[in-house]
Protein backbone atom coordinates (compact mmCIF):
# COMPACT_ATOMS: atom_id res chain seq x y z
CA MET A 1 -136.65 211.62 170.28
CA GLU A 2 -137.66 213.33 173.52
CA THR A 3 -137.58 217.08 174.10
CA ALA A 4 -136.46 218.68 177.37
CA ASP A 5 -140.11 219.11 178.41
CA GLY A 6 -140.99 215.47 177.72
CA ASP A 7 -142.71 215.80 174.32
CA LEU A 8 -141.89 213.33 171.56
CA VAL A 9 -140.69 214.29 168.06
CA TYR A 10 -140.59 211.58 165.41
CA ALA A 11 -140.74 211.02 161.67
CA ASP A 12 -142.78 208.45 159.79
CA VAL A 13 -144.30 207.65 156.41
CA VAL A 14 -147.88 206.78 155.50
CA TYR A 15 -147.59 203.82 153.16
CA HIS A 16 -149.85 203.56 150.17
CA GLY A 17 -150.14 200.78 147.61
CA HIS A 18 -148.82 203.09 144.88
CA GLY A 19 -145.75 204.38 146.75
CA LEU A 20 -145.15 207.54 148.73
CA GLN A 21 -147.88 210.08 148.03
CA PRO A 22 -147.58 213.90 148.29
CA GLY A 23 -147.49 214.82 151.98
CA GLY A 24 -147.17 211.15 152.94
CA SER A 25 -143.99 211.66 154.93
CA PHE A 26 -144.12 213.69 158.11
CA VAL A 27 -142.38 214.88 161.25
CA VAL A 28 -144.63 215.38 164.28
CA ARG A 29 -144.26 216.73 167.80
CA ARG A 30 -146.67 215.19 170.30
CA ALA A 31 -147.41 216.10 173.89
CA VAL A 32 -146.90 212.91 175.91
CA ALA A 33 -149.59 213.79 178.45
CA SER A 34 -152.38 214.14 175.87
CA ALA A 35 -150.85 212.33 172.84
CA GLU A 36 -152.20 215.20 170.72
CA PRO A 37 -150.00 216.61 167.95
CA ILE A 38 -148.52 220.01 168.76
CA TRP A 39 -147.43 220.39 165.14
CA VAL A 40 -147.03 218.30 161.98
CA PHE A 41 -144.61 219.01 159.11
CA ARG A 42 -145.45 217.12 155.90
CA THR A 43 -143.22 216.45 152.92
CA GLU A 44 -142.81 214.15 149.92
CA ARG A 45 -139.44 212.64 150.93
CA LYS A 46 -138.63 209.99 153.51
CA ALA A 47 -136.75 211.26 156.59
CA THR A 48 -133.52 209.38 157.26
CA ASP A 49 -132.53 210.96 160.59
CA LEU A 50 -133.63 213.44 163.28
CA ASP A 51 -131.85 215.46 165.93
CA HIS A 52 -132.62 218.59 167.92
CA ASP A 53 -131.21 221.27 170.17
CA THR A 54 -133.09 223.78 172.35
CA GLU A 55 -134.58 225.64 169.36
CA THR A 56 -134.37 223.53 166.18
CA VAL A 57 -135.30 220.05 164.94
CA TYR A 58 -132.85 218.88 162.26
CA VAL A 59 -134.32 216.49 159.68
CA THR A 60 -132.33 214.81 156.92
CA TYR A 61 -134.10 213.34 153.90
CA ASP A 62 -133.26 210.57 151.46
CA GLY A 63 -132.70 213.12 148.69
CA GLY A 64 -129.76 214.76 150.50
CA GLU A 65 -131.71 217.70 151.93
CA ILE A 66 -131.52 218.87 155.55
CA VAL A 67 -134.33 220.97 157.01
CA GLY A 68 -134.29 222.99 160.23
CA LEU A 69 -137.71 223.17 161.89
CA ASP A 70 -138.62 225.43 164.79
CA LEU A 71 -138.89 223.10 167.80
CA ARG A 72 -141.88 224.93 169.32
CA GLU A 73 -144.03 225.53 166.24
CA GLY A 74 -142.72 223.23 163.48
CA ASN A 75 -142.16 226.06 160.98
CA VAL A 76 -139.30 225.77 158.48
CA ARG A 77 -136.38 227.89 159.69
CA TRP A 78 -134.12 226.94 156.78
CA ARG A 79 -133.51 224.15 154.26
CA ARG A 80 -130.53 223.24 152.12
CA HIS A 81 -128.97 220.37 150.24
CA LEU A 82 -125.98 218.75 151.88
CA ALA A 83 -122.59 218.79 150.18
CA VAL A 84 -119.24 217.39 151.27
CA ALA A 85 -116.19 219.14 149.82
CA GLY A 86 -118.48 220.73 147.23
CA VAL A 87 -119.97 217.39 146.09
CA PRO A 88 -123.73 216.96 146.60
CA VAL A 89 -124.64 214.22 149.05
CA VAL A 90 -126.71 211.39 147.61
CA ALA A 91 -128.28 208.95 150.03
CA SER A 92 -127.46 205.27 149.54
CA ARG A 93 -129.16 202.20 150.88
CA PHE A 94 -127.31 199.07 151.81
CA CYS A 95 -129.16 195.79 152.30
């Protein structure tokens, strides 16, 4: 996704022959002009969706967790597991 100042924020996974390794999933903010990372947030879960507002990047993960990252610096602002009507959310995959 693109920020108001033109930077790009995206999530990806580094694939390894033995599956997802610790820190192998990441969210990164890159400056378009230089293509250099402004910040990188690493995790062990695969991101399933991203969104942002003027201050926070919202990242959902395949384990039902949502993390709020500071848009400018990439620091964790908060994290919690999603629940609907008190029932924990569990990601599903349809082929």
